[in-house]
Every structure is written in C-alpha cells, then in structure tokens.
Amino acid sequence: MKKSNDNFFEKSYAVARLIPLGRVTSYGAIATYLGTARSARMVGWAMNASHNDDSVPAHRVVNKKGLLTGKMHFDGTNLMQQLLESEGIRIVDNQIQDFETVFWNPSEESIL
C-alpha cells in the first residue's frame, strides 16, 4: 500500500531534478509550483528522504533566505556546502551569497 505522501515526494523530486547546475531553489518555491504553497515543510521532508537517490539534487534546495537549513541531513559535516561550492555557488556562514542571482523559480522558469 502506498503512503499518501509518496506521490507528493515524487513530484517534489521531479521539480528538484530540473534545477540547473549552479542554481538553487527553496522548499516553498517547489511547494508553490506544485500548487501546495503551504507545504514547504513537506518538500523538506521529501528532500530529506531522497538521499538514497543520487538523481535528486536535494543540495540545491534551501530555505527562502538562502540558508542551508537541511545540511544536517547530508552525510559529512559540510557535504551540502561542498556540493554547492563545487557548482560555483558561494556560501558564507551557511548562507548562499548572491542568492537572488542563483535562485531558480520553477513557477517562472520551467514546465513539467
């Protein structure tokens, strides 16, 4: 029997897979794109549950202020930051620099 959130998680993963290299989006932006604007936390749960699926770039999903709030869910102390930095994103004190420039809004920039 499928859990009711399985489909939501899969939809969240589909959007996350569209985030371009070197860009980030927020939990809320994904939730809004999916028509469930008040479900940002559930998108976070989906990203946390995705760590066994290398096709989901969960490291590119951050909070609405550009903070790496999900970093504790990655293996290693700074894996989330290291993955983002390897894509050219600058981070200082767990905060993405030039957040407005690297922010990718799925509601404006993609169509599933």
C-alpha atoms as a PDB file:
ATOM      1  CA  MET A   1       0.000   0.000   0.000  1.00  0.00           C
ATOM      2  CA  LYS A   2       1.354   3.422  -0.961  1.00  0.00           C
ATOM      3  CA  LYS A   3       1.572   6.190   1.586  1.00  0.00           C
ATOM      4  CA  SER A   4      -0.329   9.336   0.598  1.00  0.00           C
ATOM      5  CA  ASN A   5       2.843  11.429   0.560  1.00  0.00           C
ATOM      6  CA  ASP A   6       4.645   9.142  -1.931  1.00  0.00           C
ATOM      7  CA  ASN A   7       3.139  10.947  -4.916  1.00  0.00           C
ATOM      8  CA  PHE A   8       3.934  14.368  -3.427  1.00  0.00           C
ATOM      9  CA  PHE A   9       7.506  13.281  -2.774  1.00  0.00           C
ATOM     10  CA  GLU A  10       7.874  12.052  -6.365  1.00  0.00           C
ATOM     11  CA  LYS A  11       6.502  15.355  -7.699  1.00  0.00           C
ATOM     12  CA  SER A  12       8.961  17.233  -5.464  1.00  0.00           C
ATOM     13  CA  TYR A  13      11.812  15.101  -6.797  1.00  0.00           C
ATOM     14  CA  ALA A  14      10.747  15.770 -10.395  1.00  0.00           C
ATOM     15  CA  VAL A  15      10.966  19.529  -9.793  1.00  0.00           C
ATOM     16  CA  ALA A  16      14.295  19.233  -7.953  1.00  0.00           C
ATOM     17  CA  ARG A  17      15.740  17.330 -10.916  1.00  0.00           C
ATOM     18  CA  LEU A  18      15.020  20.381 -13.097  1.00  0.00           C
ATOM     19  CA  ILE A  19      17.127  22.774 -11.000  1.00  0.00           C
ATOM     20  CA  PRO A  20      20.018  23.796 -13.245  1.00  0.00           C
ATOM     21  CA  LEU A  21      23.611  23.221 -12.206  1.00  0.00           C
ATOM     22  CA  GLY A  22      24.864  26.197 -10.220  1.00  0.00           C
ATOM     23  CA  ARG A  23      21.376  27.332  -9.216  1.00  0.00           C
ATOM     24  CA  VAL A  24      19.211  26.769  -6.122  1.00  0.00           C
ATOM     25  CA  THR A  25      15.556  26.953  -5.230  1.00  0.00           C
ATOM     26  CA  SER A  26      13.596  26.928  -1.998  1.00  0.00           C
ATOM     27  CA  TYR A  27      11.282  24.445  -0.351  1.00  0.00           C
ATOM     28  CA  GLY A  28       8.487  26.996  -0.660  1.00  0.00           C
ATOM     29  CA  ALA A  29       9.116  27.637  -4.355  1.00  0.00           C
ATOM     30  CA  ILE A  30       8.739  23.922  -5.080  1.00  0.00           C
ATOM     31  CA  ALA A  31       5.596  23.717  -2.936  1.00  0.00           C
ATOM     32  CA  THR A  32       4.098  26.747  -4.699  1.00  0.00           C
ATOM     33  CA  TYR A  33       4.915  25.285  -8.104  1.00  0.00           C
ATOM     34  CA  LEU A  34       3.133  22.083  -7.104  1.00  0.00           C
ATOM     35  CA  GLY A  35       0.049  24.074  -6.098  1.00  0.00           C
ATOM     36  CA  THR A  36       0.542  23.456  -2.389  1.00  0.00           C
ATOM     37  CA  ALA A  37       2.096  26.722  -1.251  1.00  0.00           C
ATOM     38  CA  ARG A  38       1.698  25.876   2.437  1.00  0.00           C
ATOM     39  CA  SER A  39       3.610  22.584   2.105  1.00  0.00           C
ATOM     40  CA  ALA A  40       7.203  23.839   2.160  1.00  0.00           C
ATOM     41  CA  ARG A  41       7.931  21.666   5.187  1.00  0.00           C
ATOM     42  CA  MET A  42       6.672  18.587   3.341  1.00  0.00           C
ATOM     43  CA  VAL A  43       9.047  19.415   0.460  1.00  0.00           C
ATOM     44  CA  GLY A  44      11.801  19.464   3.087  1.00  0.00           C
ATOM     45  CA  TRP A  45      10.761  16.019   4.263  1.00  0.00           C
ATOM     46  CA  ALA A  46      10.832  14.829   0.659  1.00  0.00           C
ATOM     47  CA  MET A  47      14.354  16.187   0.150  1.00  0.00           C
ATOM     48  CA  ASN A  48      15.498  14.541   3.396  1.00  0.00           C
ATOM     49  CA  ALA A  49      14.027  11.234   2.237  1.00  0.00           C
ATOM     50  CA  SER A  50      15.767  11.461  -1.148  1.00  0.00           C
ATOM     51  CA  HIS A  51      19.341  10.933  -0.008  1.00  0.00           C
ATOM     52  CA  ASN A  52      19.480   7.376  -1.355  1.00  0.00           C
ATOM     53  CA  ASP A  53      18.548   8.610  -4.827  1.00  0.00           C
ATOM     54  CA  ASP A  54      21.517  10.305  -6.485  1.00  0.00           C
ATOM     55  CA  SER A  55      19.258  11.625  -9.261  1.00  0.00           C
ATOM     56  CA  VAL A  56      17.661  14.124  -6.841  1.00  0.00           C
ATOM     57  CA  PRO A  57      19.917  17.165  -6.296  1.00  0.00           C
ATOM     58  CA  ALA A  58      18.499  17.867  -2.822  1.00  0.00           C
ATOM     59  CA  HIS A  59      21.546  20.007  -2.027  1.00  0.00           C
ATOM     60  CA  ARG A  60      20.135  22.644  -4.405  1.00  0.00           C
ATOM     61  CA  VAL A  61      17.027  23.144  -2.240  1.00  0.00           C
ATOM     62  CA  VAL A  62      17.439  25.640   0.602  1.00  0.00           C
ATOM     63  CA  ASN A  63      15.223  27.811   2.752  1.00  0.00           C
ATOM     64  CA  LYS A  64      13.636  31.026   1.476  1.00  0.00           C
ATOM     65  CA  LYS A  65      16.518  33.154   2.764  1.00  0.00           C
ATOM     66  CA  GLY A  66      19.229  31.019   1.162  1.00  0.00           C
ATOM     67  CA  LEU A  67      20.243  29.286   4.381  1.00  0.00           C
ATOM     68  CA  LEU A  68      21.489  25.698   4.295  1.00  0.00           C
ATOM     69  CA  THR A  69      18.886  24.557   6.824  1.00  0.00           C
ATOM     70  CA  GLY A  70      18.918  20.976   5.523  1.00  0.00           C
ATOM     71  CA  LYS A  71      22.685  20.475   5.787  1.00  0.00           C
ATOM     72  CA  MET A  72      22.457  18.220   8.838  1.00  0.00           C
ATOM     73  CA  HIS A  73      20.634  15.646   6.717  1.00  0.00           C
ATOM     74  CA  PHE A  74      23.652  15.115   4.463  1.00  0.00           C
ATOM     75  CA  ASP A  75      26.460  12.696   5.237  1.00  0.00           C
ATOM     76  CA  GLY A  76      29.558  14.512   6.414  1.00  0.00           C
ATOM     77  CA  THR A  77      29.812  17.813   8.188  1.00  0.00           C
ATOM     78  CA  ASN A  78      29.749  20.119   5.173  1.00  0.00           C
ATOM     79  CA  LEU A  79      28.666  17.903   2.269  1.00  0.00           C
ATOM     80  CA  MET A  80      25.749  20.126   1.242  1.00  0.00           C
ATOM     81  CA  GLN A  81      28.005  23.184   1.204  1.00  0.00           C
ATOM     82  CA  GLN A  82      30.763  21.332  -0.646  1.00  0.00           C
ATOM     83  CA  LEU A  83      28.343  20.143  -3.333  1.00  0.00           C
ATOM     84  CA  LEU A  84      27.016  23.671  -3.841  1.00  0.00           C
ATOM     85  CA  GLU A  85      30.501  25.198  -3.889  1.00  0.00           C
ATOM     86  CA  SER A  86      31.600  22.618  -6.471  1.00  0.00           C
ATOM     87  CA  GLU A  87      28.849  24.073  -8.683  1.00  0.00           C
ATOM     88  CA  GLY A  88      30.195  27.614  -8.217  1.00  0.00           C
ATOM     89  CA  ILE A  89      27.819  28.801  -5.503  1.00  0.00           C
ATOM     90  CA  ARG A  90      29.453  30.952  -2.820  1.00  0.00           C
ATOM     91  CA  ILE A  91      28.487  30.292   0.795  1.00  0.00           C
ATOM     92  CA  VAL A  92      29.442  32.225   3.913  1.00  0.00           C
ATOM     93  CA  ASP A  93      28.231  31.123   7.367  1.00  0.00           C
ATOM     94  CA  ASN A  94      25.719  28.654   5.888  1.00  0.00           C
ATOM     95  CA  GLN A  95      24.212  31.440   3.741  1.00  0.00           C
ATOM     96  CA  ILE A  96      24.241  31.465  -0.049  1.00  0.00           C
ATOM     97  CA  GLN A  97      25.804  34.661  -1.352  1.00  0.00           C
ATOM     98  CA  ASP A  98      24.115  36.473  -4.257  1.00  0.00           C
ATOM     99  CA  PHE A  99      21.005  34.408  -3.508  1.00  0.00           C
ATOM    100  CA  GLU A 100      18.791  36.445  -5.844  1.00  0.00           C
ATOM    101  CA  THR A 101      21.202  35.783  -8.714  1.00  0.00           C
ATOM    102  CA  VAL A 102      21.421  31.998  -8.279  1.00  0.00           C
ATOM    103  CA  PHE A 103      17.780  31.495  -7.243  1.00  0.00           C
ATOM    104  CA  TRP A 104      15.763  29.406  -9.713  1.00  0.00           C
ATOM    105  CA  ASN A 105      11.988  29.769  -9.517  1.00  0.00           C
ATOM    106  CA  PRO A 106      10.239  26.739 -11.029  1.00  0.00           C
ATOM    107  CA  SER A 107       7.000  28.711 -11.430  1.00  0.00           C
ATOM    108  CA  GLU A 108       8.766  31.151 -13.739  1.00  0.00           C
ATOM    109  CA  GLU A 109      11.474  29.066 -15.395  1.00  0.00           C
ATOM    110  CA  SER A 110      10.248  25.557 -16.085  1.00  0.00           C
ATOM    111  CA  ILE A 111       7.325  23.488 -17.172  1.00  0.00           C
ATOM    112  CA  LEU A 112       6.965  19.859 -16.110  1.00  0.00           C
END
